[in-house]
Amino acid sequence: MAASPYQIDVSVETRYLPEQSTPEQNRYAFAYTVTLHNSGAVAAKLLSRHWIITDGDGRVQEVRGAGVIGQQPHLEPGQSHTYSSGTVMATKVGNMHGSYQMVADDGTRFDAPIAPFRLAMPGALH
């Protein structure tokens, strides 16, 4: 099967933020840096995001919103966009996944999936 002309690859790097965390108050802050890469054949614009954040106790928080950090990047084929954001959880380990809602220059709407990734305080996973 041929690759879709609508293909946004998403990669994520995470980092624990000890300076913004207060473990004794069950507050664990994490930063994540996301890179979106248009590996398709058609330019596309990011319209909105949908995140599902699950903490170590199984509590789920859903986040939906326009763009990413106030931007709606437009990616030509082969182009990438990187941004950083963060989240706070009540547990030292959790995970996130979701999708970006995209619109191609030809009007086609499609989702760019964000594969699950782990957020963990160093030393929390044995």
PDB file of N, CA and C in Angstrom:
ATOM      1  N   MET A   1       0.841  -1.186   0.000  1.00  0.00           N
ATOM      2  CA  MET A   1       0.000   0.000   0.000  1.00  0.00           C
ATOM      3  C   MET A   1       0.882   1.243   0.000  1.00  0.00           C
ATOM      4  N   ALA A   2       0.554   2.191  -0.816  1.00  0.00           N
ATOM      5  CA  ALA A   2       1.341   3.420  -0.904  1.00  0.00           C
ATOM      6  C   ALA A   2       1.155   4.251   0.363  1.00  0.00           C
ATOM      7  N   ALA A   3       2.168   5.005   0.691  1.00  0.00           N
ATOM      8  CA  ALA A   3       2.073   5.881   1.852  1.00  0.00           C
ATOM      9  C   ALA A   3       1.015   6.948   1.599  1.00  0.00           C
ATOM     10  N   SER A   4       0.350   7.337   2.651  1.00  0.00           N
ATOM     11  CA  SER A   4      -0.670   8.367   2.532  1.00  0.00           C
ATOM     12  C   SER A   4      -0.010   9.698   2.181  1.00  0.00           C
ATOM     13  N   PRO A   5      -0.674  10.504   1.345  1.00  0.00           N
ATOM     14  CA  PRO A   5      -0.141  11.850   1.090  1.00  0.00           C
ATOM     15  C   PRO A   5      -0.277  12.731   2.337  1.00  0.00           C
ATOM     16  N   TYR A   6      -1.084  12.260   3.299  1.00  0.00           N
ATOM     17  CA  TYR A   6      -1.321  13.002   4.538  1.00  0.00           C
ATOM     18  C   TYR A   6      -0.649  12.263   5.683  1.00  0.00           C
ATOM     19  N   GLN A   7       0.577  12.655   5.992  1.00  0.00           N
ATOM     20  CA  GLN A   7       1.341  11.907   6.996  1.00  0.00           C
ATOM     21  C   GLN A   7       2.161  12.878   7.838  1.00  0.00           C
ATOM     22  N   ILE A   8       1.772  13.000   9.099  1.00  0.00           N
ATOM     23  CA  ILE A   8       2.539  13.799  10.054  1.00  0.00           C
ATOM     24  C   ILE A   8       3.086  12.846  11.102  1.00  0.00           C
ATOM     25  N   ASP A   9       4.407  12.761  11.205  1.00  0.00           N
ATOM     26  CA  ASP A   9       5.043  11.918  12.213  1.00  0.00           C
ATOM     27  C   ASP A   9       5.312  12.767  13.446  1.00  0.00           C
ATOM     28  N   VAL A  10       5.030  12.196  14.604  1.00  0.00           N
ATOM     29  CA  VAL A  10       5.175  12.915  15.867  1.00  0.00           C
ATOM     30  C   VAL A  10       6.170  12.175  16.753  1.00  0.00           C
ATOM     31  N   SER A  11       7.173  12.893  17.241  1.00  0.00           N
ATOM     32  CA  SER A  11       8.098  12.310  18.219  1.00  0.00           C
ATOM     33  C   SER A  11       8.134  13.216  19.443  1.00  0.00           C
ATOM     34  N   VAL A  12       8.369  12.602  20.610  1.00  0.00           N
ATOM     35  CA  VAL A  12       8.296  13.339  21.868  1.00  0.00           C
ATOM     36  C   VAL A  12       9.491  12.991  22.741  1.00  0.00           C
ATOM     37  N   GLU A  13      10.064  14.017  23.366  1.00  0.00           N
ATOM     38  CA  GLU A  13      11.088  13.833  24.393  1.00  0.00           C
ATOM     39  C   GLU A  13      10.547  14.453  25.669  1.00  0.00           C
ATOM     40  N   THR A  14      10.764  13.768  26.809  1.00  0.00           N
ATOM     41  CA  THR A  14      10.228  14.253  28.074  1.00  0.00           C
ATOM     42  C   THR A  14      11.347  14.552  29.057  1.00  0.00           C
ATOM     43  N   ARG A  15      11.008  15.377  30.037  1.00  0.00           N
ATOM     44  CA  ARG A  15      11.984  15.764  31.059  1.00  0.00           C
ATOM     45  C   ARG A  15      11.223  16.057  32.346  1.00  0.00           C
ATOM     46  N   TYR A  16      11.731  15.545  33.458  1.00  0.00           N
ATOM     47  CA  TYR A  16      11.172  15.853  34.776  1.00  0.00           C
ATOM     48  C   TYR A  16      11.697  17.218  35.209  1.00  0.00           C
ATOM     49  N   LEU A  17      10.857  18.026  35.847  1.00  0.00           N
ATOM     50  CA  LEU A  17      11.233  19.372  36.274  1.00  0.00           C
ATOM     51  C   LEU A  17      11.258  19.441  37.802  1.00  0.00           C
ATOM     52  N   PRO A  18      12.379  19.068  38.419  1.00  0.00           N
ATOM     53  CA  PRO A  18      12.419  19.070  39.890  1.00  0.00           C
ATOM     54  C   PRO A  18      12.181  20.448  40.488  1.00  0.00           C
ATOM     55  N   GLU A  19      12.625  21.503  39.786  1.00  0.00           N
ATOM     56  CA  GLU A  19      12.493  22.859  40.322  1.00  0.00           C
ATOM     57  C   GLU A  19      11.042  23.337  40.351  1.00  0.00           C
ATOM     58  N   GLN A  20      10.163  22.675  39.601  1.00  0.00           N
ATOM     59  CA  GLN A  20       8.744  23.051  39.601  1.00  0.00           C
ATOM     60  C   GLN A  20       7.881  22.008  40.301  1.00  0.00           C
ATOM     61  N   SER A  21       8.528  20.999  40.890  1.00  0.00           N
ATOM     62  CA  SER A  21       7.797  19.906  41.527  1.00  0.00           C
ATOM     63  C   SER A  21       7.893  20.010  43.041  1.00  0.00           C
ATOM     64  N   THR A  22       6.823  19.607  43.713  1.00  0.00           N
ATOM     65  CA  THR A  22       6.820  19.500  45.170  1.00  0.00           C
ATOM     66  C   THR A  22       6.234  18.131  45.526  1.00  0.00           C
ATOM     67  N   PRO A  23       7.109  17.093  45.520  1.00  0.00           N
ATOM     68  CA  PRO A  23       6.632  15.721  45.761  1.00  0.00           C
ATOM     69  C   PRO A  23       5.847  15.567  47.058  1.00  0.00           C
ATOM     70  N   GLU A  24       6.225  16.322  48.107  1.00  0.00           N
ATOM     71  CA  GLU A  24       5.506  16.184  49.375  1.00  0.00           C
ATOM     72  C   GLU A  24       4.059  16.677  49.255  1.00  0.00           C
ATOM     73  N   GLN A  25       3.764  17.430  48.195  1.00  0.00           N
ATOM     74  CA  GLN A  25       2.389  17.880  47.928  1.00  0.00           C
ATOM     75  C   GLN A  25       1.803  17.144  46.718  1.00  0.00           C
ATOM     76  N   ASN A  26       2.427  16.036  46.337  1.00  0.00           N
ATOM     77  CA  ASN A  26       1.981  15.253  45.174  1.00  0.00           C
ATOM     78  C   ASN A  26       1.864  16.115  43.922  1.00  0.00           C
ATOM     79  N   ARG A  27       2.889  16.910  43.702  1.00  0.00           N
ATOM     80  CA  ARG A  27       2.941  17.757  42.505  1.00  0.00           C
ATOM     81  C   ARG A  27       4.224  17.427  41.760  1.00  0.00           C
ATOM     82  N   TYR A  28       4.057  16.825  40.580  1.00  0.00           N
ATOM     83  CA  TYR A  28       5.188  16.414  39.751  1.00  0.00           C
ATOM     84  C   TYR A  28       5.056  17.103  38.402  1.00  0.00           C
ATOM     85  N   ALA A  29       6.043  17.931  38.082  1.00  0.00           N
ATOM     86  CA  ALA A  29       5.993  18.711  36.840  1.00  0.00           C
ATOM     87  C   ALA A  29       6.910  18.078  35.789  1.00  0.00           C
ATOM     88  N   PHE A  30       6.406  18.057  34.578  1.00  0.00           N
ATOM     89  CA  PHE A  30       7.151  17.482  33.462  1.00  0.00           C
ATOM     90  C   PHE A  30       7.092  18.425  32.271  1.00  0.00           C
ATOM     91  N   ALA A  31       8.189  18.451  31.522  1.00  0.00           N
ATOM     92  CA  ALA A  31       8.217  19.163  30.247  1.00  0.00           C
ATOM     93  C   ALA A  31       8.263  18.123  29.146  1.00  0.00           C
ATOM     94  N   TYR A  32       7.681  18.454  28.009  1.00  0.00           N
ATOM     95  CA  TYR A  32       7.810  17.578  26.848  1.00  0.00           C
ATOM     96  C   TYR A  32       8.046  18.433  25.615  1.00  0.00           C
ATOM     97  N   THR A  33       8.927  17.933  24.769  1.00  0.00           N
ATOM     98  CA  THR A  33       9.248  18.609  23.516  1.00  0.00           C
ATOM     99  C   THR A  33       8.747  17.724  22.388  1.00  0.00           C
ATOM    100  N   VAL A  34       7.885  18.295  21.571  1.00  0.00           N
ATOM    101  CA  VAL A  34       7.245  17.562  20.485  1.00  0.00           C
ATOM    102  C   VAL A  34       7.797  18.046  19.150  1.00  0.00           C
ATOM    103  N   THR A  35       8.129  17.098  18.286  1.00  0.00           N
ATOM    104  CA  THR A  35       8.510  17.434  16.921  1.00  0.00           C
ATOM    105  C   THR A  35       7.499  16.799  15.978  1.00  0.00           C
ATOM    106  N   LEU A  36       6.883  17.641  15.157  1.00  0.00           N
ATOM    107  CA  LEU A  36       5.988  17.167  14.106  1.00  0.00           C
ATOM    108  C   LEU A  36       6.751  17.258  12.798  1.00  0.00           C
ATOM    109  N   HIS A  37       6.701  16.198  12.012  1.00  0.00           N
ATOM    110  CA  HIS A  37       7.398  16.175  10.732  1.00  0.00           C
ATOM    111  C   HIS A  37       6.410  15.761   9.647  1.00  0.00           C
ATOM    112  N   ASN A  38       6.303  16.588   8.624  1.00  0.00           N
ATOM    113  CA  ASN A  38       5.399  16.266   7.513  1.00  0.00           C
ATOM    114  C   ASN A  38       6.131  15.340   6.554  1.00  0.00           C
ATOM    115  N   SER A  39       5.846  14.035   6.680  1.00  0.00           N
ATOM    116  CA  SER A  39       6.458  13.062   5.776  1.00  0.00           C
ATOM    117  C   SER A  39       5.502  12.694   4.647  1.00  0.00           C
ATOM    118  N   GLY A  40       4.415  13.431   4.546  1.00  0.00           N
ATOM    119  CA  GLY A  40       3.465  13.226   3.454  1.00  0.00           C
ATOM    120  C   GLY A  40       3.828  14.049   2.239  1.00  0.00           C
ATOM    121  N   ALA A  41       2.904  14.079   1.280  1.00  0.00           N
ATOM    122  CA  ALA A  41       3.149  14.780   0.020  1.00  0.00           C
ATOM    123  C   ALA A  41       2.399  16.108  -0.067  1.00  0.00           C
ATOM    124  N   VAL A  42       1.560  16.402   0.929  1.00  0.00           N
ATOM    125  CA  VAL A  42       0.718  17.596   0.891  1.00  0.00           C
ATOM    126  C   VAL A  42       0.995  18.439   2.129  1.00  0.00           C
ATOM    127  N   ALA A  43       1.136  19.746   1.949  1.00  0.00           N
ATOM    128  CA  ALA A  43       1.315  20.648   3.079  1.00  0.00           C
ATOM    129  C   ALA A  43       0.062  20.610   3.946  1.00  0.00           C
ATOM    130  N   ALA A  44       0.260  20.814   5.252  1.00  0.00           N
ATOM    131  CA  ALA A  44      -0.864  20.739   6.172  1.00  0.00           C
ATOM    132  C   ALA A  44      -0.651  21.693   7.338  1.00  0.00           C
ATOM    133  N   LYS A  45      -1.773  22.114   7.920  1.00  0.00           N
ATOM    134  CA  LYS A  45      -1.761  23.031   9.059  1.00  0.00           C
ATOM    135  C   LYS A  45      -2.349  22.329  10.271  1.00  0.00           C
ATOM    136  N   LEU A  46      -1.712  22.526  11.435  1.00  0.00           N
ATOM    137  CA  LEU A  46      -2.228  21.988  12.675  1.00  0.00           C
ATOM    138  C   LEU A  46      -3.357  22.891  13.166  1.00  0.00           C
ATOM    139  N   LEU A  47      -4.546  22.317  13.339  1.00  0.00           N
ATOM    140  CA  LEU A  47      -5.690  23.097  13.804  1.00  0.00           C
ATOM    141  C   LEU A  47      -5.851  23.029  15.314  1.00  0.00           C
ATOM    142  N   SER A  48      -5.793  21.795  15.857  1.00  0.00           N
ATOM    143  CA  SER A  48      -6.059  21.631  17.281  1.00  0.00           C
ATOM    144  C   SER A  48      -5.371  20.383  17.804  1.00  0.00           C
ATOM    145  N   ARG A  49      -5.450  20.223  19.125  1.00  0.00           N
ATOM    146  CA  ARG A  49      -4.804  19.091  19.784  1.00  0.00           C
ATOM    147  C   ARG A  49      -5.806  18.415  20.706  1.00  0.00           C
ATOM    148  N   HIS A  50      -5.568  17.142  20.950  1.00  0.00           N
ATOM    149  CA  HIS A  50      -6.346  16.358  21.909  1.00  0.00           C
ATOM    150  C   HIS A  50      -5.379  15.467  22.656  1.00  0.00           C
ATOM    151  N   TRP A  51      -5.203  15.737  23.944  1.00  0.00           N
ATOM    152  CA  TRP A  51      -4.301  14.955  24.782  1.00  0.00           C
ATOM    153  C   TRP A  51      -5.112  14.146  25.772  1.00  0.00           C
ATOM    154  N   ILE A  52      -4.643  12.945  26.062  1.00  0.00           N
ATOM    155  CA  ILE A  52      -5.187  12.129  27.136  1.00  0.00           C
ATOM    156  C   ILE A  52      -4.022  11.857  28.082  1.00  0.00           C
ATOM    157  N   ILE A  53      -4.140  12.386  29.304  1.00  0.00           N
ATOM    158  CA  ILE A  53      -3.073  12.300  30.297  1.00  0.00           C
ATOM    159  C   ILE A  53      -3.559  11.375  31.410  1.00  0.00           C
ATOM    160  N   THR A  54      -2.803  10.323  31.675  1.00  0.00           N
ATOM    161  CA  THR A  54      -3.181   9.359  32.707  1.00  0.00           C
ATOM    162  C   THR A  54      -2.087   9.312  33.756  1.00  0.00           C
ATOM    163  N   ASP A  55      -2.456   9.566  35.014  1.00  0.00           N
ATOM    164  CA  ASP A  55      -1.428   9.526  36.058  1.00  0.00           C
ATOM    165  C   ASP A  55      -1.262   8.105  36.581  1.00  0.00           C
ATOM    166  N   GLY A  56      -0.337   7.924  37.510  1.00  0.00           N
ATOM    167  CA  GLY A  56      -0.012   6.595  38.010  1.00  0.00           C
ATOM    168  C   GLY A  56      -1.133   5.932  38.789  1.00  0.00           C
ATOM    169  N   ASP A  57      -2.130   6.719  39.205  1.00  0.00           N
ATOM    170  CA  ASP A  57      -3.287   6.169  39.914  1.00  0.00           C
ATOM    171  C   ASP A  57      -4.449   5.896  38.968  1.00  0.00           C
ATOM    172  N   GLY A  58      -4.217   6.088  37.661  1.00  0.00           N
ATOM    173  CA  GLY A  58      -5.258   5.821  36.675  1.00  0.00           C
ATOM    174  C   GLY A  58      -6.222   6.966  36.445  1.00  0.00           C
ATOM    175  N   ARG A  59      -5.970   8.119  37.061  1.00  0.00           N
ATOM    176  CA  ARG A  59      -6.837   9.287  36.808  1.00  0.00           C
ATOM    177  C   ARG A  59      -6.532   9.828  35.415  1.00  0.00           C
ATOM    178  N   VAL A  60      -7.595  10.080  34.667  1.00  0.00           N
ATOM    179  CA  VAL A  60      -7.452  10.530  33.281  1.00  0.00           C
ATOM    180  C   VAL A  60      -7.913  11.969  33.158  1.00  0.00           C
ATOM    181  N   GLN A  61      -7.109  12.743  32.463  1.00  0.00           N
ATOM    182  CA  GLN A  61      -7.440  14.135  32.187  1.00  0.00           C
ATOM    183  C   GLN A  61      -7.365  14.301  30.670  1.00  0.00           C
ATOM    184  N   GLU A  62      -8.405  14.897  30.084  1.00  0.00           N
ATOM    185  CA  GLU A  62      -8.380  15.150  28.646  1.00  0.00           C
ATOM    186  C   GLU A  62      -8.208  16.642  28.414  1.00  0.00           C
ATOM    187  N   VAL A  63      -7.356  16.970  27.462  1.00  0.00           N
ATOM    188  CA  VAL A  63      -7.093  18.362  27.121  1.00  0.00           C
ATOM    189  C   VAL A  63      -7.332  18.538  25.629  1.00  0.00           C
ATOM    190  N   ARG A  64      -8.193  19.479  25.299  1.00  0.00           N
ATOM    191  CA  ARG A  64      -8.433  19.816  23.900  1.00  0.00           C
ATOM    192  C   ARG A  64      -8.221  21.315  23.737  1.00  0.00           C
ATOM    193  N   GLY A  65      -7.721  21.722  22.599  1.00  0.00           N
ATOM    194  CA  GLY A  65      -7.545  23.146  22.385  1.00  0.00           C
ATOM    195  C   GLY A  65      -7.058  23.438  20.989  1.00  0.00           C
ATOM    196  N   ALA A  66      -7.174  24.701  20.630  1.00  0.00           N
ATOM    197  CA  ALA A  66      -6.707  25.138  19.315  1.00  0.00           C
ATOM    198  C   ALA A  66      -5.193  25.223  19.320  1.00  0.00           C
ATOM    199  N   GLY A  67      -4.591  24.732  18.253  1.00  0.00           N
ATOM    200  CA  GLY A  67      -3.149  24.891  18.054  1.00  0.00           C
ATOM    201  C   GLY A  67      -2.304  24.269  19.146  1.00  0.00           C
ATOM    202  N   VAL A  68      -1.049  24.665  19.164  1.00  0.00           N
ATOM    203  CA  VAL A  68      -0.092  24.253  20.187  1.00  0.00           C
ATOM    204  C   VAL A  68       0.636  25.502  20.646  1.00  0.00           C
ATOM    205  N   ILE A  69       0.658  25.723  21.934  1.00  0.00           N
ATOM    206  CA  ILE A  69       1.248  26.921  22.554  1.00  0.00           C
ATOM    207  C   ILE A  69       0.919  28.192  21.752  1.00  0.00           C
ATOM    208  N   GLY A  70      -0.351  28.330  21.394  1.00  0.00           N
ATOM    209  CA  GLY A  70      -0.804  29.529  20.705  1.00  0.00           C
ATOM    210  C   GLY A  70      -0.461  29.604  19.231  1.00  0.00           C
ATOM    211  N   GLN A  71       0.073  28.515  18.675  1.00  0.00           N
ATOM    212  CA  GLN A  71       0.454  28.522  17.262  1.00  0.00           C
ATOM    213  C   GLN A  71      -0.311  27.450  16.507  1.00  0.00           C
ATOM    214  N   GLN A  72      -0.494  27.693  15.221  1.00  0.00           N
ATOM    215  CA  GLN A  72      -1.059  26.684  14.324  1.00  0.00           C
ATOM    216  C   GLN A  72      -0.085  26.529  13.158  1.00  0.00           C
ATOM    217  N   PRO A  73       0.992  25.760  13.405  1.00  0.00           N
ATOM    218  CA  PRO A  73       2.040  25.676  12.390  1.00  0.00           C
ATOM    219  C   PRO A  73       1.557  25.046  11.085  1.00  0.00           C
ATOM    220  N   HIS A  74       2.084  25.583   9.985  1.00  0.00           N
ATOM    221  CA  HIS A  74       1.806  25.072   8.640  1.00  0.00           C
ATOM    222  C   HIS A  74       3.082  24.392   8.170  1.00  0.00           C
ATOM    223  N   LEU A  75       2.972  23.096   7.835  1.00  0.00           N
ATOM    224  CA  LEU A  75       4.150  22.316   7.476  1.00  0.00           C
ATOM    225  C   LEU A  75       4.112  21.903   6.011  1.00  0.00           C
ATOM    226  N   GLU A  76       5.099  22.351   5.279  1.00  0.00           N
ATOM    227  CA  GLU A  76       5.268  21.872   3.911  1.00  0.00           C
ATOM    228  C   GLU A  76       5.805  20.445   3.971  1.00  0.00           C
ATOM    229  N   PRO A  77       5.644  19.665   2.899  1.00  0.00           N
ATOM    230  CA  PRO A  77       6.243  18.321   2.892  1.00  0.00           C
ATOM    231  C   PRO A  77       7.737  18.400   3.223  1.00  0.00           C
ATOM    232  N   GLY A  78       8.179  17.532   4.134  1.00  0.00           N
ATOM    233  CA  GLY A  78       9.582  17.515   4.528  1.00  0.00           C
ATOM    234  C   GLY A  78       9.924  18.474   5.645  1.00  0.00           C
ATOM    235  N   GLN A  79       8.997  19.355   6.005  1.00  0.00           N
ATOM    236  CA  GLN A  79       9.264  20.361   7.021  1.00  0.00           C
ATOM    237  C   GLN A  79       8.875  19.837   8.409  1.00  0.00           C
ATOM    238  N   SER A  80       9.581  20.351   9.434  1.00  0.00           N
ATOM    239  CA  SER A  80       9.290  19.971  10.815  1.00  0.00           C
ATOM    240  C   SER A  80       8.971  21.197  11.643  1.00  0.00           C
ATOM    241  N   HIS A  81       8.271  20.967  12.746  1.00  0.00           N
ATOM    242  CA  HIS A  81       7.975  22.022  13.721  1.00  0.00           C
ATOM    243  C   HIS A  81       8.175  21.417  15.107  1.00  0.00           C
ATOM    244  N   THR A  82       8.936  22.109  15.950  1.00  0.00           N
ATOM    245  CA  THR A  82       9.201  21.635  17.296  1.00  0.00           C
ATOM    246  C   THR A  82       8.718  22.673  18.297  1.00  0.00           C
ATOM    247  N   TYR A  83       8.075  22.202  19.374  1.00  0.00           N
ATOM    248  CA  TYR A  83       7.668  23.102  20.444  1.00  0.00           C
ATOM    249  C   TYR A  83       7.773  22.350  21.766  1.00  0.00           C
ATOM    250  N   SER A  84       7.814  23.116  22.844  1.00  0.00           N
ATOM    251  CA  SER A  84       7.861  22.518  24.182  1.00  0.00           C
ATOM    252  C   SER A  84       6.676  22.996  25.000  1.00  0.00           C
ATOM    253  N   SER A  85       6.185  22.110  25.833  1.00  0.00           N
ATOM    254  CA  SER A  85       5.093  22.431  26.734  1.00  0.00           C
ATOM    255  C   SER A  85       5.301  21.613  27.995  1.00  0.00           C
ATOM    256  N   GLY A  86       4.291  21.573  28.851  1.00  0.00           N
ATOM    257  CA  GLY A  86       4.454  20.823  30.075  1.00  0.00           C
ATOM    258  C   GLY A  86       3.130  20.446  30.688  1.00  0.00           C
ATOM    259  N   THR A  87       3.213  19.626  31.714  1.00  0.00           N
ATOM    260  CA  THR A  87       2.035  19.198  32.456  1.00  0.00           C
ATOM    261  C   THR A  87       2.453  18.909  33.886  1.00  0.00           C
ATOM    262  N   VAL A  88       1.462  18.943  34.775  1.00  0.00           N
ATOM    263  CA  VAL A  88       1.688  18.624  36.183  1.00  0.00           C
ATOM    264  C   VAL A  88       0.768  17.472  36.536  1.00  0.00           C
ATOM    265  N   MET A  89       1.334  16.482  37.246  1.00  0.00           N
ATOM    266  CA  MET A  89       0.537  15.327  37.673  1.00  0.00           C
ATOM    267  C   MET A  89       0.669  15.142  39.178  1.00  0.00           C
ATOM    268  N   ALA A  90      -0.254  14.357  39.743  1.00  0.00           N
ATOM    269  CA  ALA A  90      -0.241  14.069  41.176  1.00  0.00           C
ATOM    270  C   ALA A  90       0.593  12.836  41.505  1.00  0.00           C
ATOM    271  N   THR A  91       1.122  12.177  40.484  1.00  0.00           N
ATOM    272  CA  THR A  91       1.944  10.985  40.713  1.00  0.00           C
ATOM    273  C   THR A  91       3.278  11.151  39.998  1.00  0.00           C
ATOM    274  N   LYS A  92       4.280  10.382  40.434  1.00  0.00           N
ATOM    275  CA  LYS A  92       5.624  10.530  39.870  1.00  0.00           C
ATOM    276  C   LYS A  92       5.793   9.819  38.532  1.00  0.00           C
ATOM    277  N   VAL A  93       4.793   9.014  38.153  1.00  0.00           N
ATOM    278  CA  VAL A  93       4.827   8.331  36.862  1.00  0.00           C
ATOM    279  C   VAL A  93       3.452   8.457  36.214  1.00  0.00           C
ATOM    280  N   GLY A  94       3.446   8.654  34.907  1.00  0.00           N
ATOM    281  CA  GLY A  94       2.184   8.697  34.169  1.00  0.00           C
ATOM    282  C   GLY A  94       2.477   8.580  32.692  1.00  0.00           C
ATOM    283  N   ASN A  95       1.449   8.726  31.879  1.00  0.00           N
ATOM    284  CA  ASN A  95       1.688   8.730  30.440  1.00  0.00           C
ATOM    285  C   ASN A  95       0.696   9.636  29.740  1.00  0.00           C
ATOM    286  N   MET A  96       1.050   9.970  28.514  1.00  0.00           N
ATOM    287  CA  MET A  96       0.229  10.844  27.670  1.00  0.00           C
ATOM    288  C   MET A  96       0.157  10.259  26.275  1.00  0.00           C
ATOM    289  N   HIS A  97      -0.948  10.497  25.605  1.00  0.00           N
ATOM    290  CA  HIS A  97      -1.073  10.203  24.178  1.00  0.00           C
ATOM    291  C   HIS A  97      -2.211  11.064  23.643  1.00  0.00           C
ATOM    292  N   GLY A  98      -2.406  11.008  22.346  1.00  0.00           N
ATOM    293  CA  GLY A  98      -3.480  11.811  21.775  1.00  0.00           C
ATOM    294  C   GLY A  98      -3.333  11.957  20.281  1.00  0.00           C
ATOM    295  N   SER A  99      -3.762  13.124  19.792  1.00  0.00           N
ATOM    296  CA  SER A  99      -3.678  13.374  18.356  1.00  0.00           C
ATOM    297  C   SER A  99      -3.738  14.869  18.083  1.00  0.00           C
ATOM    298  N   TYR A 100      -3.224  15.216  16.924  1.00  0.00           N
ATOM    299  CA  TYR A 100      -3.351  16.574  16.404  1.00  0.00           C
ATOM    300  C   TYR A 100      -4.335  16.518  15.246  1.00  0.00           C
ATOM    301  N   GLN A 101      -5.248  17.476  15.224  1.00  0.00           N
ATOM    302  CA  GLN A 101      -6.193  17.559  14.122  1.00  0.00           C
ATOM    303  C   GLN A 101      -5.585  18.507  13.077  1.00  0.00           C
ATOM    304  N   MET A 102      -5.447  17.985  11.862  1.00  0.00           N
ATOM    305  CA  MET A 102      -4.749  18.687  10.797  1.00  0.00           C
ATOM    306  C   MET A 102      -5.703  18.974   9.642  1.00  0.00           C
ATOM    307  N   VAL A 103      -5.363  19.974   8.837  1.00  0.00           N
ATOM    308  CA  VAL A 103      -6.061  20.172   7.571  1.00  0.00           C
ATOM    309  C   VAL A 103      -5.000  20.384   6.496  1.00  0.00           C
ATOM    310  N   ALA A 104      -5.107  19.589   5.447  1.00  0.00           N
ATOM    311  CA  ALA A 104      -4.164  19.702   4.332  1.00  0.00           C
ATOM    312  C   ALA A 104      -4.552  20.884   3.459  1.00  0.00           C
ATOM    313  N   ASP A 105      -3.609  21.339   2.659  1.00  0.00           N
ATOM    314  CA  ASP A 105      -3.871  22.478   1.776  1.00  0.00           C
ATOM    315  C   ASP A 105      -4.989  22.196   0.776  1.00  0.00           C
ATOM    316  N   ASP A 106      -5.272  20.911   0.515  1.00  0.00           N
ATOM    317  CA  ASP A 106      -6.366  20.590  -0.411  1.00  0.00           C
ATOM    318  C   ASP A 106      -7.709  20.471   0.316  1.00  0.00           C
ATOM    319  N   GLY A 107      -7.718  20.790   1.625  1.00  0.00           N
ATOM    320  CA  GLY A 107      -8.958  20.772   2.385  1.00  0.00           C
ATOM    321  C   GLY A 107      -9.226  19.479   3.141  1.00  0.00           C
ATOM    322  N   THR A 108      -8.413  18.450   2.896  1.00  0.00           N
ATOM    323  CA  THR A 108      -8.611  17.177   3.585  1.00  0.00           C
ATOM    324  C   THR A 108      -8.239  17.317   5.054  1.00  0.00           C
ATOM    325  N   ARG A 109      -9.147  16.876   5.936  1.00  0.00           N
ATOM    326  CA  ARG A 109      -8.867  16.874   7.373  1.00  0.00           C
ATOM    327  C   ARG A 109      -8.413  15.480   7.779  1.00  0.00           C
ATOM    328  N   PHE A 110      -7.415  15.425   8.643  1.00  0.00           N
ATOM    329  CA  PHE A 110      -6.912  14.135   9.115  1.00  0.00           C
ATOM    330  C   PHE A 110      -6.279  14.318  10.475  1.00  0.00           C
ATOM    331  N   ASP A 111      -6.128  13.214  11.196  1.00  0.00           N
ATOM    332  CA  ASP A 111      -5.497  13.244  12.507  1.00  0.00           C
ATOM    333  C   ASP A 111      -4.067  12.750  12.410  1.00  0.00           C
ATOM    334  N   ALA A 112      -3.202  13.374  13.178  1.00  0.00           N
ATOM    335  CA  ALA A 112      -1.821  12.907  13.337  1.00  0.00           C
ATOM    336  C   ALA A 112      -1.743  12.298  14.727  1.00  0.00           C
ATOM    337  N   PRO A 113      -1.650  10.968  14.819  1.00  0.00           N
ATOM    338  CA  PRO A 113      -1.641  10.338  16.140  1.00  0.00           C
ATOM    339  C   PRO A 113      -0.363  10.617  16.925  1.00  0.00           C
ATOM    340  N   ILE A 114      -0.522  10.743  18.242  1.00  0.00           N
ATOM    341  CA  ILE A 114       0.607  10.888  19.153  1.00  0.00           C
ATOM    342  C   ILE A 114       0.661   9.593  19.948  1.00  0.00           C
ATOM    343  N   ALA A 115       1.676   8.790  19.697  1.00  0.00           N
ATOM    344  CA  ALA A 115       1.798   7.504  20.389  1.00  0.00           C
ATOM    345  C   ALA A 115       2.003   7.733  21.886  1.00  0.00           C
ATOM    346  N   PRO A 116       1.564   6.793  22.714  1.00  0.00           N
ATOM    347  CA  PRO A 116       1.758   6.949  24.164  1.00  0.00           C
ATOM    348  C   PRO A 116       3.233   7.128  24.521  1.00  0.00           C
ATOM    349  N   PHE A 117       3.477   8.025  25.454  1.00  0.00           N
ATOM    350  CA  PHE A 117       4.831   8.188  25.987  1.00  0.00           C
ATOM    351  C   PHE A 117       4.737   8.352  27.488  1.00  0.00           C
ATOM    352  N   ARG A 118       5.809   7.964  28.170  1.00  0.00           N
ATOM    353  CA  ARG A 118       5.828   7.938  29.625  1.00  0.00           C
ATOM    354  C   ARG A 118       6.432   9.211  30.185  1.00  0.00           C
ATOM    355  N   LEU A 119       5.846   9.663  31.293  1.00  0.00           N
ATOM    356  CA  LEU A 119       6.401  10.742  32.087  1.00  0.00           C
ATOM    357  C   LEU A 119       6.808  10.098  33.413  1.00  0.00           C
ATOM    358  N   ALA A 120       8.069  10.224  33.797  1.00  0.00           N
ATOM    359  CA  ALA A 120       8.509   9.576  35.019  1.00  0.00           C
ATOM    360  C   ALA A 120       9.586  10.389  35.720  1.00  0.00           C
ATOM    361  N   MET A 121       9.438  10.516  37.020  1.00  0.00           N
ATOM    362  CA  MET A 121      10.465  11.126  37.845  1.00  0.00           C
ATOM    363  C   MET A 121      11.666  10.175  37.833  1.00  0.00           C
ATOM    364  N   PRO A 122      12.899  10.698  37.700  1.00  0.00           N
ATOM    365  CA  PRO A 122      14.066   9.820  37.710  1.00  0.00           C
ATOM    366  C   PRO A 122      14.077   8.960  38.971  1.00  0.00           C
ATOM    367  N   GLY A 123      14.334   7.678  38.788  1.00  0.00           N
ATOM    368  CA  GLY A 123      14.372   6.759  39.918  1.00  0.00           C
ATOM    369  C   GLY A 123      13.019   6.178  40.271  1.00  0.00           C
ATOM    370  N   ALA A 124      11.933   6.670  39.622  1.00  0.00           N
ATOM    371  CA  ALA A 124      10.592   6.184  39.947  1.00  0.00           C
ATOM    372  C   ALA A 124      10.337   4.816  39.333  1.00  0.00           C
ATOM    373  N   LEU A 125      11.029   4.503  38.237  1.00  0.00           N
ATOM    374  CA  LEU A 125      10.863   3.207  37.569  1.00  0.00           C
ATOM    375  C   LEU A 125      12.054   2.339  37.903  1.00  0.00           C
ATOM    376  N   HIS A 126      11.787   1.140  38.366  1.00  0.00           N
ATOM    377  CA  HIS A 126      12.901   0.272  38.789  1.00  0.00           C
ATOM    378  C   HIS A 126      13.162  -0.799  37.761  1.00  0.00           C
TER     379      HIS A 126
END
